[in-house]
PDB file of N, CA and C in Angstrom:
ATOM      1  N   UNK A   1     -17.372   1.599  12.460  1.00  0.00           N
ATOM      2  CA  UNK A   1     -16.675   1.269  11.313  1.00  0.00           C
ATOM      3  C   UNK A   1     -15.032   1.394  11.640  1.00  0.00           C
ATOM      4  N   UNK A   2     -14.212   0.482  11.098  1.00  0.00           N
ATOM      5  CA  UNK A   2     -12.752   0.612  11.312  1.00  0.00           C
ATOM      6  C   UNK A   2     -12.213   0.983   9.994  1.00  0.00           C
ATOM      7  N   UNK A   3     -10.999   1.690   9.982  1.00  0.00           N
ATOM      8  CA  UNK A   3     -10.503   1.969   8.637  1.00  0.00           C
ATOM      9  C   UNK A   3      -8.866   1.844   8.827  1.00  0.00           C
ATOM     10  N   UNK A   4      -8.296   1.352   7.721  1.00  0.00           N
ATOM     11  CA  UNK A   4      -6.864   1.217   7.853  1.00  0.00           C
ATOM     12  C   UNK A   4      -6.233   1.219   6.350  1.00  0.00           C
ATOM     13  N   UNK A   5      -5.151   1.384   6.236  1.00  0.00           N
ATOM     14  CA  UNK A   5      -4.509   1.643   4.817  1.00  0.00           C
ATOM     15  C   UNK A   5      -3.447   0.596   4.672  1.00  0.00           C
ATOM     16  N   UNK A   6      -3.473  -0.366   3.818  1.00  0.00           N
ATOM     17  CA  UNK A   6      -2.392  -1.351   3.693  1.00  0.00           C
ATOM     18  C   UNK A   6      -1.420  -0.776   2.705  1.00  0.00           C
ATOM     19  N   UNK A   7      -0.057  -1.006   2.963  1.00  0.00           N
ATOM     20  CA  UNK A   7       0.784  -0.403   1.958  1.00  0.00           C
ATOM     21  C   UNK A   7       1.962  -1.382   1.591  1.00  0.00           C
ATOM     22  N   UNK A   8       2.593  -1.169   0.459  1.00  0.00           N
ATOM     23  CA  UNK A   8       3.669  -2.085   0.152  1.00  0.00           C
ATOM     24  C   UNK A   8       4.493  -1.437  -0.929  1.00  0.00           C
ATOM     25  N   UNK A   9       5.464  -2.108  -1.111  1.00  0.00           N
ATOM     26  CA  UNK A   9       6.662  -1.613  -2.088  1.00  0.00           C
ATOM     27  C   UNK A   9       6.589  -2.281  -3.430  1.00  0.00           C
ATOM     28  N   UNK A  10       5.553  -3.156  -3.622  1.00  0.00           N
ATOM     29  CA  UNK A  10       5.343  -3.769  -4.945  1.00  0.00           C
ATOM     30  C   UNK A  10       3.897  -4.242  -5.126  1.00  0.00           C
ATOM     31  N   UNK A  11       3.333  -4.163  -6.285  1.00  0.00           N
ATOM     32  CA  UNK A  11       1.983  -4.665  -6.467  1.00  0.00           C
ATOM     33  C   UNK A  11       1.775  -5.895  -5.760  1.00  0.00           C
ATOM     34  N   UNK A  12       2.573  -7.033  -6.236  1.00  0.00           N
ATOM     35  CA  UNK A  12       2.359  -8.352  -5.757  1.00  0.00           C
ATOM     36  C   UNK A  12       2.252  -8.283  -4.082  1.00  0.00           C
ATOM     37  N   UNK A  13       3.023  -7.562  -3.622  1.00  0.00           N
ATOM     38  CA  UNK A  13       2.968  -7.642  -2.060  1.00  0.00           C
ATOM     39  C   UNK A  13       1.943  -6.843  -1.544  1.00  0.00           C
ATOM     40  N   UNK A  14       1.432  -5.838  -2.164  1.00  0.00           N
ATOM     41  CA  UNK A  14       0.085  -5.314  -1.765  1.00  0.00           C
ATOM     42  C   UNK A  14      -1.181  -6.291  -2.072  1.00  0.00           C
ATOM     43  N   UNK A  15      -1.101  -6.886  -3.132  1.00  0.00           N
ATOM     44  CA  UNK A  15      -2.019  -7.894  -3.354  1.00  0.00           C
ATOM     45  C   UNK A  15      -2.293  -9.031  -2.160  1.00  0.00           C
ATOM     46  N   UNK A  16      -1.067  -9.394  -1.936  1.00  0.00           N
ATOM     47  CA  UNK A  16      -1.051 -10.271  -0.772  1.00  0.00           C
ATOM     48  C   UNK A  16      -1.674  -9.799   0.601  1.00  0.00           C
ATOM     49  N   UNK A  17      -1.300  -8.621   0.953  1.00  0.00           N
ATOM     50  CA  UNK A  17      -1.759  -7.880   2.189  1.00  0.00           C
ATOM     51  C   UNK A  17      -3.194  -7.621   2.022  1.00  0.00           C
ATOM     52  N   UNK A  18      -3.695  -7.062   0.901  1.00  0.00           N
ATOM     53  CA  UNK A  18      -5.235  -6.845   0.797  1.00  0.00           C
ATOM     54  C   UNK A  18      -5.965  -8.166   0.855  1.00  0.00           C
ATOM     55  N   UNK A  19      -5.524  -9.206  -0.005  1.00  0.00           N
ATOM     56  CA  UNK A  19      -6.354 -10.512   0.213  1.00  0.00           C
ATOM     57  C   UNK A  19      -6.178 -11.091   1.513  1.00  0.00           C
ATOM     58  N   UNK A  20      -5.171 -11.119   2.472  1.00  0.00           N
ATOM     59  CA  UNK A  20      -5.095 -11.446   3.955  1.00  0.00           C
ATOM     60  C   UNK A  20      -6.125 -10.695   4.676  1.00  0.00           C
ATOM     61  N   UNK A  21      -6.190  -9.289   4.296  1.00  0.00           N
ATOM     62  CA  UNK A  21      -7.116  -8.548   5.129  1.00  0.00           C
ATOM     63  C   UNK A  21      -8.682  -8.843   4.866  1.00  0.00           C
ATOM     64  N   UNK A  22      -8.906  -9.076   3.522  1.00  0.00           N
ATOM     65  CA  UNK A  22     -10.115  -9.514   3.052  1.00  0.00           C
ATOM     66  C   UNK A  22     -10.626 -10.842   3.619  1.00  0.00           C
ATOM     67  N   UNK A  23      -9.642 -11.729   3.855  1.00  0.00           N
ATOM     68  CA  UNK A  23      -9.733 -13.040   4.538  1.00  0.00           C
ATOM     69  C   UNK A  23     -10.335 -12.910   5.965  1.00  0.00           C
ATOM     70  N   UNK A  24      -9.871 -11.906   6.634  1.00  0.00           N
ATOM     71  CA  UNK A  24     -10.385 -11.526   8.065  1.00  0.00           C
ATOM     72  C   UNK A  24     -11.474 -10.506   8.127  1.00  0.00           C
ATOM     73  N   UNK A  25     -12.132 -10.235   7.228  1.00  0.00           N
ATOM     74  CA  UNK A  25     -13.321  -9.429   7.351  1.00  0.00           C
ATOM     75  C   UNK A  25     -13.135  -7.929   6.777  1.00  0.00           C
ATOM     76  N   UNK A  26     -12.056  -7.515   6.189  1.00  0.00           N
ATOM     77  CA  UNK A  26     -11.797  -6.156   5.790  1.00  0.00           C
ATOM     78  C   UNK A  26     -12.311  -6.137   4.362  1.00  0.00           C
ATOM     79  N   UNK A  27     -12.686  -4.889   3.739  1.00  0.00           N
ATOM     80  CA  UNK A  27     -13.176  -4.757   2.447  1.00  0.00           C
ATOM     81  C   UNK A  27     -12.358  -3.331   1.835  1.00  0.00           C
ATOM     82  N   UNK A  28     -11.813  -3.674   0.676  1.00  0.00           N
ATOM     83  CA  UNK A  28     -11.175  -2.561   0.040  1.00  0.00           C
ATOM     84  C   UNK A  28     -12.302  -1.435  -0.183  1.00  0.00           C
ATOM     85  N   UNK A  29     -11.869  -0.124  -0.050  1.00  0.00           N
ATOM     86  CA  UNK A  29     -12.617   1.150  -0.259  1.00  0.00           C
ATOM     87  C   UNK A  29     -11.917   2.054  -1.258  1.00  0.00           C
ATOM     88  N   UNK A  30     -12.339   2.198  -2.419  1.00  0.00           N
ATOM     89  CA  UNK A  30     -11.752   2.881  -3.349  1.00  0.00           C
ATOM     90  C   UNK A  30     -10.682   2.071  -4.278  1.00  0.00           C
ATOM     91  N   UNK A  31      -9.965   2.741  -4.825  1.00  0.00           N
ATOM     92  CA  UNK A  31      -8.790   2.138  -5.863  1.00  0.00           C
ATOM     93  C   UNK A  31      -7.429   2.208  -5.042  1.00  0.00           C
ATOM     94  N   UNK A  32      -6.452   1.624  -5.828  1.00  0.00           N
ATOM     95  CA  UNK A  32      -5.202   1.735  -5.249  1.00  0.00           C
ATOM     96  C   UNK A  32      -4.529   2.916  -5.617  1.00  0.00           C
ATOM     97  N   UNK A  33      -3.562   3.494  -4.680  1.00  0.00           N
ATOM     98  CA  UNK A  33      -2.922   4.750  -4.930  1.00  0.00           C
ATOM     99  C   UNK A  33      -1.445   4.370  -4.999  1.00  0.00           C
ATOM    100  N   UNK A  34      -0.737   4.792  -6.035  1.00  0.00           N
ATOM    101  CA  UNK A  34       0.712   4.658  -6.219  1.00  0.00           C
ATOM    102  C   UNK A  34       1.548   5.854  -6.026  1.00  0.00           C
ATOM    103  N   UNK A  35       2.626   6.057  -5.312  1.00  0.00           N
ATOM    104  CA  UNK A  35       3.338   7.205  -5.133  1.00  0.00           C
ATOM    105  C   UNK A  35       4.837   6.761  -5.521  1.00  0.00           C
ATOM    106  N   UNK A  36       5.363   7.647  -6.505  1.00  0.00           N
ATOM    107  CA  UNK A  36       6.728   7.566  -6.649  1.00  0.00           C
ATOM    108  C   UNK A  36       7.503   8.586  -5.742  1.00  0.00           C
ATOM    109  N   UNK A  37       8.650   7.962  -5.153  1.00  0.00           N
ATOM    110  CA  UNK A  37       9.296   9.056  -4.096  1.00  0.00           C
ATOM    111  C   UNK A  37      10.717   8.931  -4.457  1.00  0.00           C
ATOM    112  N   UNK A  38      11.337  10.050  -4.141  1.00  0.00           N
ATOM    113  CA  UNK A  38      12.863  10.019  -4.244  1.00  0.00           C
ATOM    114  C   UNK A  38      13.380  10.940  -3.211  1.00  0.00           C
ATOM    115  N   UNK A  39      14.683  10.544  -2.572  1.00  0.00           N
ATOM    116  CA  UNK A  39      15.283  11.229  -1.433  1.00  0.00           C
ATOM    117  C   UNK A  39      16.545  11.467  -1.879  1.00  0.00           C
ATOM    118  N   UNK A  40      17.046  12.801  -2.097  1.00  0.00           N
ATOM    119  CA  UNK A  40      18.248  13.181  -2.709  1.00  0.00           C
ATOM    120  C   UNK A  40      19.272  13.488  -1.601  1.00  0.00           C
ATOM    121  N   UNK A  41      18.847  13.112  -0.400  1.00  0.00           N
ATOM    122  CA  UNK A  41      19.895  13.555   0.736  1.00  0.00           C
ATOM    123  C   UNK A  41      20.865  12.430   0.867  1.00  0.00           C
ATOM    124  N   UNK A  42      20.893  11.311   0.162  1.00  0.00           N
ATOM    125  CA  UNK A  42      21.817  10.203   0.153  1.00  0.00           C
ATOM    126  C   UNK A  42      22.651  10.226  -1.035  1.00  0.00           C
ATOM    127  N   UNK A  43      23.898   9.816  -1.198  1.00  0.00           N
ATOM    128  CA  UNK A  43      24.647   9.477  -2.225  1.00  0.00           C
ATOM    129  C   UNK A  43      24.903   8.049  -2.494  1.00  0.00           C
ATOM    130  N   UNK A  44      24.342   7.325  -3.358  1.00  0.00           N
ATOM    131  CA  UNK A  44      23.443   7.934  -4.476  1.00  0.00           C
ATOM    132  C   UNK A  44      22.124   8.131  -3.828  1.00  0.00           C
ATOM    133  N   UNK A  45      21.128   9.155  -4.571  1.00  0.00           N
ATOM    134  CA  UNK A  45      19.820   9.258  -4.359  1.00  0.00           C
ATOM    135  C   UNK A  45      19.015   7.936  -4.244  1.00  0.00           C
ATOM    136  N   UNK A  46      18.109   7.849  -3.374  1.00  0.00           N
ATOM    137  CA  UNK A  46      17.236   6.564  -3.246  1.00  0.00           C
ATOM    138  C   UNK A  46      15.889   7.096  -3.931  1.00  0.00           C
ATOM    139  N   UNK A  47      15.266   6.007  -4.300  1.00  0.00           N
ATOM    140  CA  UNK A  47      13.791   6.281  -4.977  1.00  0.00           C
ATOM    141  C   UNK A  47      12.967   4.946  -5.034  1.00  0.00           C
ATOM    142  N   UNK A  48      11.942   5.058  -4.984  1.00  0.00           N
ATOM    143  CA  UNK A  48      11.011   3.782  -5.000  1.00  0.00           C
ATOM    144  C   UNK A  48       9.632   4.221  -5.379  1.00  0.00           C
ATOM    145  N   UNK A  49       8.726   3.034  -5.242  1.00  0.00           N
ATOM    146  CA  UNK A  49       7.094   3.413  -5.406  1.00  0.00           C
ATOM    147  C   UNK A  49       6.443   2.847  -4.117  1.00  0.00           C
ATOM    148  N   UNK A  50       5.623   3.441  -3.681  1.00  0.00           N
ATOM    149  CA  UNK A  50       4.680   2.671  -2.516  1.00  0.00           C
ATOM    150  C   UNK A  50       3.376   2.660  -3.094  1.00  0.00           C
ATOM    151  N   UNK A  51       2.759   1.434  -2.927  1.00  0.00           N
ATOM    152  CA  UNK A  51       1.308   1.264  -3.248  1.00  0.00           C
ATOM    153  C   UNK A  51       0.452   1.070  -2.042  1.00  0.00           C
ATOM    154  N   UNK A  52      -0.690   1.753  -2.160  1.00  0.00           N
ATOM    155  CA  UNK A  52      -1.576   1.771  -0.968  1.00  0.00           C
ATOM    156  C   UNK A  52      -3.149   1.457  -1.128  1.00  0.00           C
ATOM    157  N   UNK A  53      -3.711   0.832  -0.272  1.00  0.00           N
ATOM    158  CA  UNK A  53      -5.157   0.479  -0.501  1.00  0.00           C
ATOM    159  C   UNK A  53      -5.865   0.735   0.733  1.00  0.00           C
ATOM    160  N   UNK A  54      -6.829   1.757   0.830  1.00  0.00           N
ATOM    161  CA  UNK A  54      -7.774   1.848   1.992  1.00  0.00           C
ATOM    162  C   UNK A  54      -8.707   0.699   2.182  1.00  0.00           C
ATOM    163  N   UNK A  55      -8.804   0.256   3.518  1.00  0.00           N
ATOM    164  CA  UNK A  55      -9.617  -0.957   3.786  1.00  0.00           C
ATOM    165  C   UNK A  55     -10.667  -0.538   5.009  1.00  0.00           C
ATOM    166  N   UNK A  56     -11.795  -1.114   5.035  1.00  0.00           N
ATOM    167  CA  UNK A  56     -12.763  -0.890   6.122  1.00  0.00           C
ATOM    168  C   UNK A  56     -13.334  -2.033   6.576  1.00  0.00           C
ATOM    169  N   UNK A  57     -13.912  -2.016   7.805  1.00  0.00           N
ATOM    170  CA  UNK A  57     -14.870  -3.360   8.172  1.00  0.00           C
ATOM    171  C   UNK A  57     -15.757  -2.654   9.319  1.00  0.00           C
TER     172      UNK A  57
END
């Protein structure tokens, strides 16, 4: 079995990546994980959300 994690900065982008992986034999494992992040070492501080989906085949 192979395992990988698809990640993206938007839900739409993650959907595209997961659908592309499904088309070549990968299957989602579990649900989507979303993480909000913030880096205060910059002026102005930077933040965003990363979406991830585990995949197996």
